[in-house]
Amino acid sequence: MSIFFWAFIVGGLICLAGQLMLDVFNLTPAHMLSTMVVTGALLDGFGLYEPLIDFAGAGATVPITSFGNALVHGAMREAEQHGIVGVITGMFEVTSAGISAAIVFGFIGALLFKPKG
């Protein structure tokens, strides 16, 4: 049961940070999104995001910070095996399924719904 509690707390704190960026600091959604992805990437670069995932489970893997984590994690893993070329291929290898799903479902949504305007 404690994994659910900590997933809720950690995920909620990540979302709270994003909401504060929007409301208090008046950042645009694009700036907030970029900041959260870069934060996840930096935390993974310093080796801090994987322990957070081990501790909080979905509370750390569901928010957008996990995308930055996945980019850096894949790049570093492939760089160890393939050098500088692995940095580029590793980022896309780990995140390609999510990116592809976003494109496909975005396209389907655009076909099914009409924008207000």
PDB file of N, CA and C in Angstrom:
ATOM      1  N   MET A   1       0.807  -1.192   0.000  1.00  0.00           N
ATOM      2  CA  MET A   1       0.000   0.000   0.000  1.00  0.00           C
ATOM      3  C   MET A   1       0.855   1.262   0.000  1.00  0.00           C
ATOM      4  N   SER A   2       2.022   1.221   0.596  1.00  0.00           N
ATOM      5  CA  SER A   2       2.830   2.436   0.683  1.00  0.00           C
ATOM      6  C   SER A   2       3.314   2.908  -0.690  1.00  0.00           C
ATOM      7  N   ILE A   3       3.475   1.983  -1.661  1.00  0.00           N
ATOM      8  CA  ILE A   3       3.903   2.405  -2.989  1.00  0.00           C
ATOM      9  C   ILE A   3       2.843   3.308  -3.625  1.00  0.00           C
ATOM     10  N   PHE A   4       1.568   3.040  -3.362  1.00  0.00           N
ATOM     11  CA  PHE A   4       0.507   3.892  -3.893  1.00  0.00           C
ATOM     12  C   PHE A   4       0.543   5.271  -3.242  1.00  0.00           C
ATOM     13  N   PHE A   5       0.788   5.290  -1.960  1.00  0.00           N
ATOM     14  CA  PHE A   5       0.862   6.562  -1.236  1.00  0.00           C
ATOM     15  C   PHE A   5       1.997   7.416  -1.790  1.00  0.00           C
ATOM     16  N   TRP A   6       3.193   6.826  -1.922  1.00  0.00           N
ATOM     17  CA  TRP A   6       4.338   7.604  -2.382  1.00  0.00           C
ATOM     18  C   TRP A   6       4.220   7.971  -3.859  1.00  0.00           C
ATOM     19  N   ALA A   7       3.583   7.112  -4.648  1.00  0.00           N
ATOM     20  CA  ALA A   7       3.337   7.476  -6.046  1.00  0.00           C
ATOM     21  C   ALA A   7       2.415   8.696  -6.110  1.00  0.00           C
ATOM     22  N   PHE A   8       1.395   8.717  -5.274  1.00  0.00           N
ATOM     23  CA  PHE A   8       0.467   9.845  -5.232  1.00  0.00           C
ATOM     24  C   PHE A   8       1.170  11.117  -4.783  1.00  0.00           C
ATOM     25  N   ILE A   9       1.985  11.014  -3.743  1.00  0.00           N
ATOM     26  CA  ILE A   9       2.673  12.190  -3.197  1.00  0.00           C
ATOM     27  C   ILE A   9       3.693  12.728  -4.194  1.00  0.00           C
ATOM     28  N   VAL A  10       4.555  11.872  -4.723  1.00  0.00           N
ATOM     29  CA  VAL A  10       5.600  12.328  -5.648  1.00  0.00           C
ATOM     30  C   VAL A  10       4.996  12.852  -6.943  1.00  0.00           C
ATOM     31  N   GLY A  11       4.054  12.111  -7.520  1.00  0.00           N
ATOM     32  CA  GLY A  11       3.393  12.575  -8.733  1.00  0.00           C
ATOM     33  C   GLY A  11       2.657  13.888  -8.496  1.00  0.00           C
ATOM     34  N   GLY A  12       2.021  14.008  -7.345  1.00  0.00           N
ATOM     35  CA  GLY A  12       1.319  15.241  -7.005  1.00  0.00           C
ATOM     36  C   GLY A  12       2.268  16.413  -6.850  1.00  0.00           C
ATOM     37  N   LEU A  13       3.429  16.178  -6.252  1.00  0.00           N
ATOM     38  CA  LEU A  13       4.415  17.252  -6.089  1.00  0.00           C
ATOM     39  C   LEU A  13       4.984  17.703  -7.435  1.00  0.00           C
ATOM     40  N   ILE A  14       5.196  16.747  -8.337  1.00  0.00           N
ATOM     41  CA  ILE A  14       5.673  17.111  -9.677  1.00  0.00           C
ATOM     42  C   ILE A  14       4.614  17.952 -10.390  1.00  0.00           C
ATOM     43  N   CYS A  15       3.363  17.534 -10.284  1.00  0.00           N
ATOM     44  CA  CYS A  15       2.281  18.299 -10.908  1.00  0.00           C
ATOM     45  C   CYS A  15       2.099  19.658 -10.237  1.00  0.00           C
ATOM     46  N   LEU A  16       2.284  19.712  -8.929  1.00  0.00           N
ATOM     47  CA  LEU A  16       2.206  20.982  -8.213  1.00  0.00           C
ATOM     48  C   LEU A  16       3.284  21.944  -8.706  1.00  0.00           C
ATOM     49  N   ALA A  17       4.488  21.431  -8.913  1.00  0.00           N
ATOM     50  CA  ALA A  17       5.570  22.270  -9.428  1.00  0.00           C
ATOM     51  C   ALA A  17       5.197  22.839 -10.796  1.00  0.00           C
ATOM     52  N   GLY A  18       4.629  22.015 -11.645  1.00  0.00           N
ATOM     53  CA  GLY A  18       4.198  22.489 -12.959  1.00  0.00           C
ATOM     54  C   GLY A  18       3.101  23.530 -12.855  1.00  0.00           C
ATOM     55  N   GLN A  19       2.145  23.318 -11.968  1.00  0.00           N
ATOM     56  CA  GLN A  19       1.055  24.278 -11.809  1.00  0.00           C
ATOM     57  C   GLN A  19       1.564  25.598 -11.242  1.00  0.00           C
ATOM     58  N   LEU A  20       2.529  25.534 -10.318  1.00  0.00           N
ATOM     59  CA  LEU A  20       3.118  26.761  -9.791  1.00  0.00           C
ATOM     60  C   LEU A  20       3.852  27.541 -10.876  1.00  0.00           C
ATOM     61  N   MET A  21       4.510  26.836 -11.781  1.00  0.00           N
ATOM     62  CA  MET A  21       5.185  27.516 -12.885  1.00  0.00           C
ATOM     63  C   MET A  21       4.182  28.283 -13.741  1.00  0.00           C
ATOM     64  N   LEU A  22       3.004  27.708 -13.923  1.00  0.00           N
ATOM     65  CA  LEU A  22       1.982  28.358 -14.733  1.00  0.00           C
ATOM     66  C   LEU A  22       1.330  29.532 -13.991  1.00  0.00           C
ATOM     67  N   ASP A  23       0.955  29.313 -12.727  1.00  0.00           N
ATOM     68  CA  ASP A  23       0.173  30.301 -11.993  1.00  0.00           C
ATOM     69  C   ASP A  23       1.017  31.390 -11.337  1.00  0.00           C
ATOM     70  N   VAL A  24       2.101  31.011 -10.697  1.00  0.00           N
ATOM     71  CA  VAL A  24       2.899  31.974  -9.936  1.00  0.00           C
ATOM     72  C   VAL A  24       3.920  32.679 -10.816  1.00  0.00           C
ATOM     73  N   PHE A  25       4.616  31.916 -11.632  1.00  0.00           N
ATOM     74  CA  PHE A  25       5.680  32.491 -12.450  1.00  0.00           C
ATOM     75  C   PHE A  25       5.195  32.908 -13.844  1.00  0.00           C
ATOM     76  N   ASN A  26       3.912  32.682 -14.116  1.00  0.00           N
ATOM     77  CA  ASN A  26       3.282  33.076 -15.388  1.00  0.00           C
ATOM     78  C   ASN A  26       4.022  32.558 -16.615  1.00  0.00           C
ATOM     79  N   LEU A  27       4.563  31.342 -16.526  1.00  0.00           N
ATOM     80  CA  LEU A  27       5.201  30.739 -17.690  1.00  0.00           C
ATOM     81  C   LEU A  27       4.119  30.224 -18.635  1.00  0.00           C
ATOM     82  N   THR A  28       4.439  30.168 -19.898  1.00  0.00           N
ATOM     83  CA  THR A  28       3.511  29.585 -20.854  1.00  0.00           C
ATOM     84  C   THR A  28       3.555  28.058 -20.696  1.00  0.00           C
ATOM     85  N   PRO A  29       2.533  27.351 -21.154  1.00  0.00           N
ATOM     86  CA  PRO A  29       2.578  25.896 -21.083  1.00  0.00           C
ATOM     87  C   PRO A  29       3.811  25.305 -21.776  1.00  0.00           C
ATOM     88  N   ALA A  30       4.238  25.913 -22.872  1.00  0.00           N
ATOM     89  CA  ALA A  30       5.422  25.409 -23.573  1.00  0.00           C
ATOM     90  C   ALA A  30       6.680  25.568 -22.723  1.00  0.00           C
ATOM     91  N   HIS A  31       6.799  26.700 -22.027  1.00  0.00           N
ATOM     92  CA  HIS A  31       7.958  26.902 -21.156  1.00  0.00           C
ATOM     93  C   HIS A  31       7.935  25.932 -19.975  1.00  0.00           C
ATOM     94  N   MET A  32       6.746  25.734 -19.400  1.00  0.00           N
ATOM     95  CA  MET A  32       6.627  24.800 -18.282  1.00  0.00           C
ATOM     96  C   MET A  32       6.976  23.390 -18.724  1.00  0.00           C
ATOM     97  N   LEU A  33       6.459  22.984 -19.882  1.00  0.00           N
ATOM     98  CA  LEU A  33       6.732  21.653 -20.412  1.00  0.00           C
ATOM     99  C   LEU A  33       8.225  21.453 -20.642  1.00  0.00           C
ATOM    100  N   SER A  34       8.852  22.425 -21.264  1.00  0.00           N
ATOM    101  CA  SER A  34      10.292  22.336 -21.527  1.00  0.00           C
ATOM    102  C   SER A  34      11.086  22.274 -20.238  1.00  0.00           C
ATOM    103  N   THR A  35      10.699  23.082 -19.260  1.00  0.00           N
ATOM    104  CA  THR A  35      11.394  23.085 -17.972  1.00  0.00           C
ATOM    105  C   THR A  35      11.277  21.737 -17.286  1.00  0.00           C
ATOM    106  N   MET A  36      10.091  21.133 -17.338  1.00  0.00           N
ATOM    107  CA  MET A  36       9.900  19.833 -16.682  1.00  0.00           C
ATOM    108  C   MET A  36      10.706  18.736 -17.380  1.00  0.00           C
ATOM    109  N   VAL A  37      10.750  18.747 -18.703  1.00  0.00           N
ATOM    110  CA  VAL A  37      11.523  17.741 -19.439  1.00  0.00           C
ATOM    111  C   VAL A  37      13.015  17.908 -19.140  1.00  0.00           C
ATOM    112  N   VAL A  38      13.497  19.139 -19.145  1.00  0.00           N
ATOM    113  CA  VAL A  38      14.913  19.390 -18.856  1.00  0.00           C
ATOM    114  C   VAL A  38      15.239  19.009 -17.410  1.00  0.00           C
ATOM    115  N   THR A  39      14.334  19.280 -16.487  1.00  0.00           N
ATOM    116  CA  THR A  39      14.551  18.882 -15.095  1.00  0.00           C
ATOM    117  C   THR A  39      14.686  17.370 -14.968  1.00  0.00           C
ATOM    118  N   GLY A  40      13.809  16.628 -15.636  1.00  0.00           N
ATOM    119  CA  GLY A  40      13.915  15.166 -15.620  1.00  0.00           C
ATOM    120  C   GLY A  40      15.216  14.684 -16.237  1.00  0.00           C
ATOM    121  N   ALA A  41      15.638  15.354 -17.306  1.00  0.00           N
ATOM    122  CA  ALA A  41      16.901  14.986 -17.954  1.00  0.00           C
ATOM    123  C   ALA A  41      18.082  15.263 -17.041  1.00  0.00           C
ATOM    124  N   LEU A  42      18.085  16.409 -16.383  1.00  0.00           N
ATOM    125  CA  LEU A  42      19.182  16.744 -15.464  1.00  0.00           C
ATOM    126  C   LEU A  42      19.229  15.785 -14.281  1.00  0.00           C
ATOM    127  N   LEU A  43      18.067  15.480 -13.730  1.00  0.00           N
ATOM    128  CA  LEU A  43      18.035  14.543 -12.603  1.00  0.00           C
ATOM    129  C   LEU A  43      18.577  13.178 -13.007  1.00  0.00           C
ATOM    130  N   ASP A  44      18.252  12.725 -14.229  1.00  0.00           N
ATOM    131  CA  ASP A  44      18.786  11.442 -14.690  1.00  0.00           C
ATOM    132  C   ASP A  44      20.283  11.547 -14.949  1.00  0.00           C
ATOM    133  N   GLY A  45      20.723  12.672 -15.486  1.00  0.00           N
ATOM    134  CA  GLY A  45      22.147  12.867 -15.733  1.00  0.00           C
ATOM    135  C   GLY A  45      22.970  12.795 -14.464  1.00  0.00           C
ATOM    136  N   PHE A  46      22.401  13.254 -13.355  1.00  0.00           N
ATOM    137  CA  PHE A  46      23.088  13.191 -12.065  1.00  0.00           C
ATOM    138  C   PHE A  46      22.787  11.904 -11.305  1.00  0.00           C
ATOM    139  N   GLY A  47      22.035  11.004 -11.936  1.00  0.00           N
ATOM    140  CA  GLY A  47      21.746   9.703 -11.314  1.00  0.00           C
ATOM    141  C   GLY A  47      20.690   9.751 -10.230  1.00  0.00           C
ATOM    142  N   LEU A  48      19.840  10.765 -10.238  1.00  0.00           N
ATOM    143  CA  LEU A  48      18.843  10.914  -9.183  1.00  0.00           C
ATOM    144  C   LEU A  48      17.436  10.462  -9.585  1.00  0.00           C
ATOM    145  N   TYR A  49      17.173  10.323 -10.882  1.00  0.00           N
ATOM    146  CA  TYR A  49      15.803  10.005 -11.291  1.00  0.00           C
ATOM    147  C   TYR A  49      15.475   8.520 -11.132  1.00  0.00           C
ATOM    148  N   GLU A  50      16.418   7.649 -11.399  1.00  0.00           N
ATOM    149  CA  GLU A  50      16.153   6.204 -11.235  1.00  0.00           C
ATOM    150  C   GLU A  50      15.822   5.849  -9.784  1.00  0.00           C
ATOM    151  N   PRO A  51      16.552   6.374  -8.781  1.00  0.00           N
ATOM    152  CA  PRO A  51      16.128   6.107  -7.398  1.00  0.00           C
ATOM    153  C   PRO A  51      14.735   6.646  -7.088  1.00  0.00           C
ATOM    154  N   LEU A  52      14.371   7.778  -7.716  1.00  0.00           N
ATOM    155  CA  LEU A  52      13.032   8.321  -7.527  1.00  0.00           C
ATOM    156  C   LEU A  52      11.988   7.381  -8.117  1.00  0.00           C
ATOM    157  N   ILE A  53      12.278   6.798  -9.271  1.00  0.00           N
ATOM    158  CA  ILE A  53      11.365   5.823  -9.880  1.00  0.00           C
ATOM    159  C   ILE A  53      11.250   4.588  -8.988  1.00  0.00           C
ATOM    160  N   ASP A  54      12.371   4.116  -8.454  1.00  0.00           N
ATOM    161  CA  ASP A  54      12.334   2.959  -7.556  1.00  0.00           C
ATOM    162  C   ASP A  54      11.499   3.247  -6.315  1.00  0.00           C
ATOM    163  N   PHE A  55      11.549   4.484  -5.842  1.00  0.00           N
ATOM    164  CA  PHE A  55      10.828   4.868  -4.631  1.00  0.00           C
ATOM    165  C   PHE A  55       9.345   5.105  -4.899  1.00  0.00           C
ATOM    166  N   ALA A  56       9.022   5.835  -5.978  1.00  0.00           N
ATOM    167  CA  ALA A  56       7.651   6.301  -6.191  1.00  0.00           C
ATOM    168  C   ALA A  56       6.918   5.596  -7.326  1.00  0.00           C
ATOM    169  N   GLY A  57       7.577   4.752  -8.082  1.00  0.00           N
ATOM    170  CA  GLY A  57       6.901   4.028  -9.161  1.00  0.00           C
ATOM    171  C   GLY A  57       6.261   4.957 -10.175  1.00  0.00           C
ATOM    172  N   ALA A  58       4.957   4.761 -10.400  1.00  0.00           N
ATOM    173  CA  ALA A  58       4.235   5.546 -11.406  1.00  0.00           C
ATOM    174  C   ALA A  58       4.183   7.027 -11.067  1.00  0.00           C
ATOM    175  N   GLY A  59       4.382   7.382  -9.813  1.00  0.00           N
ATOM    176  CA  GLY A  59       4.411   8.790  -9.446  1.00  0.00           C
ATOM    177  C   GLY A  59       5.564   9.528 -10.101  1.00  0.00           C
ATOM    178  N   ALA A  60       6.602   8.783 -10.502  1.00  0.00           N
ATOM    179  CA  ALA A  60       7.746   9.387 -11.179  1.00  0.00           C
ATOM    180  C   ALA A  60       7.792   9.047 -12.661  1.00  0.00           C
ATOM    181  N   THR A  61       7.127   7.973 -13.083  1.00  0.00           N
ATOM    182  CA  THR A  61       7.199   7.589 -14.493  1.00  0.00           C
ATOM    183  C   THR A  61       6.086   8.184 -15.340  1.00  0.00           C
ATOM    184  N   VAL A  62       4.982   8.580 -14.738  1.00  0.00           N
ATOM    185  CA  VAL A  62       3.863   9.114 -15.514  1.00  0.00           C
ATOM    186  C   VAL A  62       4.039  10.592 -15.873  1.00  0.00           C
ATOM    187  N   PRO A  63       4.498  11.466 -14.965  1.00  0.00           N
ATOM    188  CA  PRO A  63       4.639  12.885 -15.340  1.00  0.00           C
ATOM    189  C   PRO A  63       5.653  13.099 -16.470  1.00  0.00           C
ATOM    190  N   ILE A  64       5.596  14.263 -17.085  1.00  0.00           N
ATOM    191  CA  ILE A  64       6.432  14.580 -18.249  1.00  0.00           C
ATOM    192  C   ILE A  64       7.921  14.599 -17.912  1.00  0.00           C
ATOM    193  N   THR A  65       8.278  14.733 -16.649  1.00  0.00           N
ATOM    194  CA  THR A  65       9.691  14.687 -16.286  1.00  0.00           C
ATOM    195  C   THR A  65      10.316  13.352 -16.674  1.00  0.00           C
ATOM    196  N   SER A  66       9.499  12.322 -16.716  1.00  0.00           N
ATOM    197  CA  SER A  66       9.997  11.005 -17.092  1.00  0.00           C
ATOM    198  C   SER A  66      10.450  10.956 -18.548  1.00  0.00           C
ATOM    199  N   PHE A  67       9.887  11.819 -19.404  1.00  0.00           N
ATOM    200  CA  PHE A  67      10.321  11.864 -20.796  1.00  0.00           C
ATOM    201  C   PHE A  67      11.769  12.344 -20.884  1.00  0.00           C
ATOM    202  N   GLY A  68      12.113  13.362 -20.122  1.00  0.00           N
ATOM    203  CA  GLY A  68      13.506  13.819 -20.074  1.00  0.00           C
ATOM    204  C   GLY A  68      14.420  12.741 -19.537  1.00  0.00           C
ATOM    205  N   ASN A  69      13.950  12.033 -18.535  1.00  0.00           N
ATOM    206  CA  ASN A  69      14.700  10.911 -17.980  1.00  0.00           C
ATOM    207  C   ASN A  69      14.947   9.859 -19.050  1.00  0.00           C
ATOM    208  N   ALA A  70      13.925   9.515 -19.806  1.00  0.00           N
ATOM    209  CA  ALA A  70      14.059   8.486 -20.842  1.00  0.00           C
ATOM    210  C   ALA A  70      15.025   8.916 -21.939  1.00  0.00           C
ATOM    211  N   LEU A  71      14.978  10.191 -22.329  1.00  0.00           N
ATOM    212  CA  LEU A  71      15.898  10.683 -23.354  1.00  0.00           C
ATOM    213  C   LEU A  71      17.352  10.527 -22.924  1.00  0.00           C
ATOM    214  N   VAL A  72      17.660  10.999 -21.739  1.00  0.00           N
ATOM    215  CA  VAL A  72      19.047  10.940 -21.261  1.00  0.00           C
ATOM    216  C   VAL A  72      19.464   9.510 -20.968  1.00  0.00           C
ATOM    217  N   HIS A  73      18.559   8.748 -20.376  1.00  0.00           N
ATOM    218  CA  HIS A  73      18.881   7.357 -20.022  1.00  0.00           C
ATOM    219  C   HIS A  73      19.224   6.544 -21.275  1.00  0.00           C
ATOM    220  N   GLY A  74      18.402   6.679 -22.308  1.00  0.00           N
ATOM    221  CA  GLY A  74      18.657   5.961 -23.558  1.00  0.00           C
ATOM    222  C   GLY A  74      19.922   6.440 -24.238  1.00  0.00           C
ATOM    223  N   ALA A  75      20.140   7.749 -24.235  1.00  0.00           N
ATOM    224  CA  ALA A  75      21.337   8.306 -24.873  1.00  0.00           C
ATOM    225  C   ALA A  75      22.605   7.833 -24.180  1.00  0.00           C
ATOM    226  N   MET A  76      22.603   7.827 -22.864  1.00  0.00           N
ATOM    227  CA  MET A  76      23.801   7.411 -22.124  1.00  0.00           C
ATOM    228  C   MET A  76      24.082   5.922 -22.308  1.00  0.00           C
ATOM    229  N   ARG A  77      23.011   5.129 -22.296  1.00  0.00           N
ATOM    230  CA  ARG A  77      23.197   3.685 -22.461  1.00  0.00           C
ATOM    231  C   ARG A  77      23.785   3.357 -23.835  1.00  0.00           C
ATOM    232  N   GLU A  78      23.232   3.969 -24.878  1.00  0.00           N
ATOM    233  CA  GLU A  78      23.721   3.707 -26.228  1.00  0.00           C
ATOM    234  C   GLU A  78      25.096   4.338 -26.470  1.00  0.00           C
ATOM    235  N   ALA A  79      25.394   5.459 -25.815  1.00  0.00           N
ATOM    236  CA  ALA A  79      26.709   6.094 -25.967  1.00  0.00           C
ATOM    237  C   ALA A  79      27.809   5.191 -25.426  1.00  0.00           C
ATOM    238  N   GLU A  80      27.512   4.448 -24.379  1.00  0.00           N
ATOM    239  CA  GLU A  80      28.496   3.514 -23.833  1.00  0.00           C
ATOM    240  C   GLU A  80      28.825   2.408 -24.828  1.00  0.00           C
ATOM    241  N   GLN A  81      27.832   1.997 -25.623  1.00  0.00           N
ATOM    242  CA  GLN A  81      28.029   0.903 -26.561  1.00  0.00           C
ATOM    243  C   GLN A  81      28.509   1.358 -27.932  1.00  0.00           C
ATOM    244  N   HIS A  82      27.999   2.511 -28.414  1.00  0.00           N
ATOM    245  CA  HIS A  82      28.248   2.907 -29.798  1.00  0.00           C
ATOM    246  C   HIS A  82      28.914   4.270 -29.950  1.00  0.00           C
ATOM    247  N   GLY A  83      29.307   4.880 -28.875  1.00  0.00           N
ATOM    248  CA  GLY A  83      29.967   6.169 -28.965  1.00  0.00           C
ATOM    249  C   GLY A  83      28.997   7.302 -29.243  1.00  0.00           C
ATOM    250  N   ILE A  84      29.494   8.323 -29.930  1.00  0.00           N
ATOM    251  CA  ILE A  84      28.707   9.543 -30.155  1.00  0.00           C
ATOM    252  C   ILE A  84      27.456   9.298 -30.987  1.00  0.00           C
ATOM    253  N   VAL A  85      27.492   8.352 -31.904  1.00  0.00           N
ATOM    254  CA  VAL A  85      26.303   8.036 -32.703  1.00  0.00           C
ATOM    255  C   VAL A  85      25.220   7.450 -31.808  1.00  0.00           C
ATOM    256  N   GLY A  86      25.617   6.725 -30.784  1.00  0.00           N
ATOM    257  CA  GLY A  86      24.660   6.140 -29.852  1.00  0.00           C
ATOM    258  C   GLY A  86      23.860   7.163 -29.082  1.00  0.00           C
ATOM    259  N   VAL A  87      24.428   8.355 -28.902  1.00  0.00           N
ATOM    260  CA  VAL A  87      23.686   9.411 -28.207  1.00  0.00           C
ATOM    261  C   VAL A  87      22.413   9.739 -28.972  1.00  0.00           C
ATOM    262  N   ILE A  88      22.525   9.900 -30.276  1.00  0.00           N
ATOM    263  CA  ILE A  88      21.364  10.249 -31.098  1.00  0.00           C
ATOM    264  C   ILE A  88      20.391   9.075 -31.206  1.00  0.00           C
ATOM    265  N   THR A  89      20.907   7.911 -31.529  1.00  0.00           N
ATOM    266  CA  THR A  89      20.019   6.763 -31.713  1.00  0.00           C
ATOM    267  C   THR A  89      19.388   6.324 -30.400  1.00  0.00           C
ATOM    268  N   GLY A  90      20.111   6.451 -29.298  1.00  0.00           N
ATOM    269  CA  GLY A  90      19.590   6.016 -28.005  1.00  0.00           C
ATOM    270  C   GLY A  90      18.395   6.821 -27.541  1.00  0.00           C
ATOM    271  N   MET A  91      18.428   8.126 -27.807  1.00  0.00           N
ATOM    272  CA  MET A  91      17.298   8.975 -27.407  1.00  0.00           C
ATOM    273  C   MET A  91      16.018   8.527 -28.094  1.00  0.00           C
ATOM    274  N   PHE A  92      16.128   8.233 -29.384  1.00  0.00           N
ATOM    275  CA  PHE A  92      14.931   7.896 -30.144  1.00  0.00           C
ATOM    276  C   PHE A  92      14.519   6.442 -29.952  1.00  0.00           C
ATOM    277  N   GLU A  93      15.460   5.587 -29.642  1.00  0.00           N
ATOM    278  CA  GLU A  93      15.129   4.178 -29.438  1.00  0.00           C
ATOM    279  C   GLU A  93      14.219   4.004 -28.232  1.00  0.00           C
ATOM    280  N   VAL A  94      14.510   4.694 -27.166  1.00  0.00           N
ATOM    281  CA  VAL A  94      13.744   4.544 -25.936  1.00  0.00           C
ATOM    282  C   VAL A  94      12.390   5.242 -26.022  1.00  0.00           C
ATOM    283  N   THR A  95      12.330   6.371 -26.712  1.00  0.00           N
ATOM    284  CA  THR A  95      11.108   7.186 -26.711  1.00  0.00           C
ATOM    285  C   THR A  95      10.256   7.040 -27.973  1.00  0.00           C
ATOM    286  N   SER A  96      10.696   6.244 -28.916  1.00  0.00           N
ATOM    287  CA  SER A  96       9.993   6.182 -30.209  1.00  0.00           C
ATOM    288  C   SER A  96       8.553   5.699 -30.097  1.00  0.00           C
ATOM    289  N   ALA A  97       8.274   4.766 -29.225  1.00  0.00           N
ATOM    290  CA  ALA A  97       6.894   4.274 -29.099  1.00  0.00           C
ATOM    291  C   ALA A  97       5.967   5.378 -28.612  1.00  0.00           C
ATOM    292  N   GLY A  98       6.390   6.134 -27.617  1.00  0.00           N
ATOM    293  CA  GLY A  98       5.563   7.217 -27.097  1.00  0.00           C
ATOM    294  C   GLY A  98       5.378   8.334 -28.104  1.00  0.00           C
ATOM    295  N   ILE A  99       6.444   8.684 -28.804  1.00  0.00           N
ATOM    296  CA  ILE A  99       6.352   9.739 -29.812  1.00  0.00           C
ATOM    297  C   ILE A  99       5.433   9.297 -30.953  1.00  0.00           C
ATOM    298  N   SER A 100       5.589   8.058 -31.392  1.00  0.00           N
ATOM    299  CA  SER A 100       4.740   7.545 -32.469  1.00  0.00           C
ATOM    300  C   SER A 100       3.278   7.516 -32.057  1.00  0.00           C
ATOM    301  N   ALA A 101       3.003   7.088 -30.837  1.00  0.00           N
ATOM    302  CA  ALA A 101       1.620   7.057 -30.354  1.00  0.00           C
ATOM    303  C   ALA A 101       1.032   8.465 -30.316  1.00  0.00           C
ATOM    304  N   ALA A 102       1.812   9.448 -29.876  1.00  0.00           N
ATOM    305  CA  ALA A 102       1.320  10.827 -29.826  1.00  0.00           C
ATOM    306  C   ALA A 102       0.983  11.338 -31.223  1.00  0.00           C
ATOM    307  N   ILE A 103       1.806  11.010 -32.191  1.00  0.00           N
ATOM    308  CA  ILE A 103       1.551  11.445 -33.565  1.00  0.00           C
ATOM    309  C   ILE A 103       0.304  10.775 -34.122  1.00  0.00           C
ATOM    310  N   VAL A 104       0.201   9.458 -33.959  1.00  0.00           N
ATOM    311  CA  VAL A 104      -0.945   8.717 -34.498  1.00  0.00           C
ATOM    312  C   VAL A 104      -2.249   9.173 -33.846  1.00  0.00           C
ATOM    313  N   PHE A 105      -2.281   9.252 -32.515  1.00  0.00           N
ATOM    314  CA  PHE A 105      -3.521   9.638 -31.839  1.00  0.00           C
ATOM    315  C   PHE A 105      -3.847  11.107 -32.067  1.00  0.00           C
ATOM    316  N   GLY A 106      -2.830  11.958 -32.210  1.00  0.00           N
ATOM    317  CA  GLY A 106      -3.072  13.349 -32.562  1.00  0.00           C
ATOM    318  C   GLY A 106      -3.701  13.471 -33.934  1.00  0.00           C
ATOM    319  N   PHE A 107      -3.227  12.664 -34.881  1.00  0.00           N
ATOM    320  CA  PHE A 107      -3.792  12.669 -36.231  1.00  0.00           C
ATOM    321  C   PHE A 107      -5.234  12.181 -36.211  1.00  0.00           C
ATOM    322  N   ILE A 108      -5.491  11.101 -35.477  1.00  0.00           N
ATOM    323  CA  ILE A 108      -6.858  10.583 -35.377  1.00  0.00           C
ATOM    324  C   ILE A 108      -7.775  11.619 -34.728  1.00  0.00           C
ATOM    325  N   GLY A 109      -7.279  12.274 -33.685  1.00  0.00           N
ATOM    326  CA  GLY A 109      -8.076  13.319 -33.046  1.00  0.00           C
ATOM    327  C   GLY A 109      -8.388  14.466 -33.990  1.00  0.00           C
ATOM    328  N   ALA A 110      -7.413  14.831 -34.823  1.00  0.00           N
ATOM    329  CA  ALA A 110      -7.627  15.909 -35.790  1.00  0.00           C
ATOM    330  C   ALA A 110      -8.656  15.517 -36.841  1.00  0.00           C
ATOM    331  N   LEU A 111      -8.704  14.242 -37.187  1.00  0.00           N
ATOM    332  CA  LEU A 111      -9.693  13.782 -38.163  1.00  0.00           C
ATOM    333  C   LEU A 111     -11.098  13.726 -37.574  1.00  0.00           C
ATOM    334  N   LEU A 112     -11.211  13.364 -36.310  1.00  0.00           N
ATOM    335  CA  LEU A 112     -12.513  13.146 -35.694  1.00  0.00           C
ATOM    336  C   LEU A 112     -13.177  14.411 -35.156  1.00  0.00           C
ATOM    337  N   PHE A 113     -12.385  15.385 -34.752  1.00  0.00           N
ATOM    338  CA  PHE A 113     -12.943  16.567 -34.093  1.00  0.00           C
ATOM    339  C   PHE A 113     -12.607  17.840 -34.849  1.00  0.00           C
ATOM    340  N   LYS A 114     -13.518  18.791 -34.806  1.00  0.00           N
ATOM    341  CA  LYS A 114     -13.317  20.075 -35.470  1.00  0.00           C
ATOM    342  C   LYS A 114     -12.906  21.102 -34.419  1.00  0.00           C
ATOM    343  N   PRO A 115     -11.897  21.903 -34.713  1.00  0.00           N
ATOM    344  CA  PRO A 115     -11.471  22.915 -33.738  1.00  0.00           C
ATOM    345  C   PRO A 115     -12.488  24.050 -33.653  1.00  0.00           C
ATOM    346  N   LYS A 116     -12.561  24.640 -32.464  1.00  0.00           N
ATOM    347  CA  LYS A 116     -13.399  25.831 -32.301  1.00  0.00           C
ATOM    348  C   LYS A 116     -12.611  27.013 -32.802  1.00  0.00           C
ATOM    349  N   GLY A 117     -13.223  27.872 -33.501  1.00  0.00           N
ATOM    350  CA  GLY A 117     -12.430  28.991 -33.963  1.00  0.00           C
ATOM    351  C   GLY A 117     -13.215  29.959 -34.650  1.00  0.00           C
TER     352      GLY A 117
END
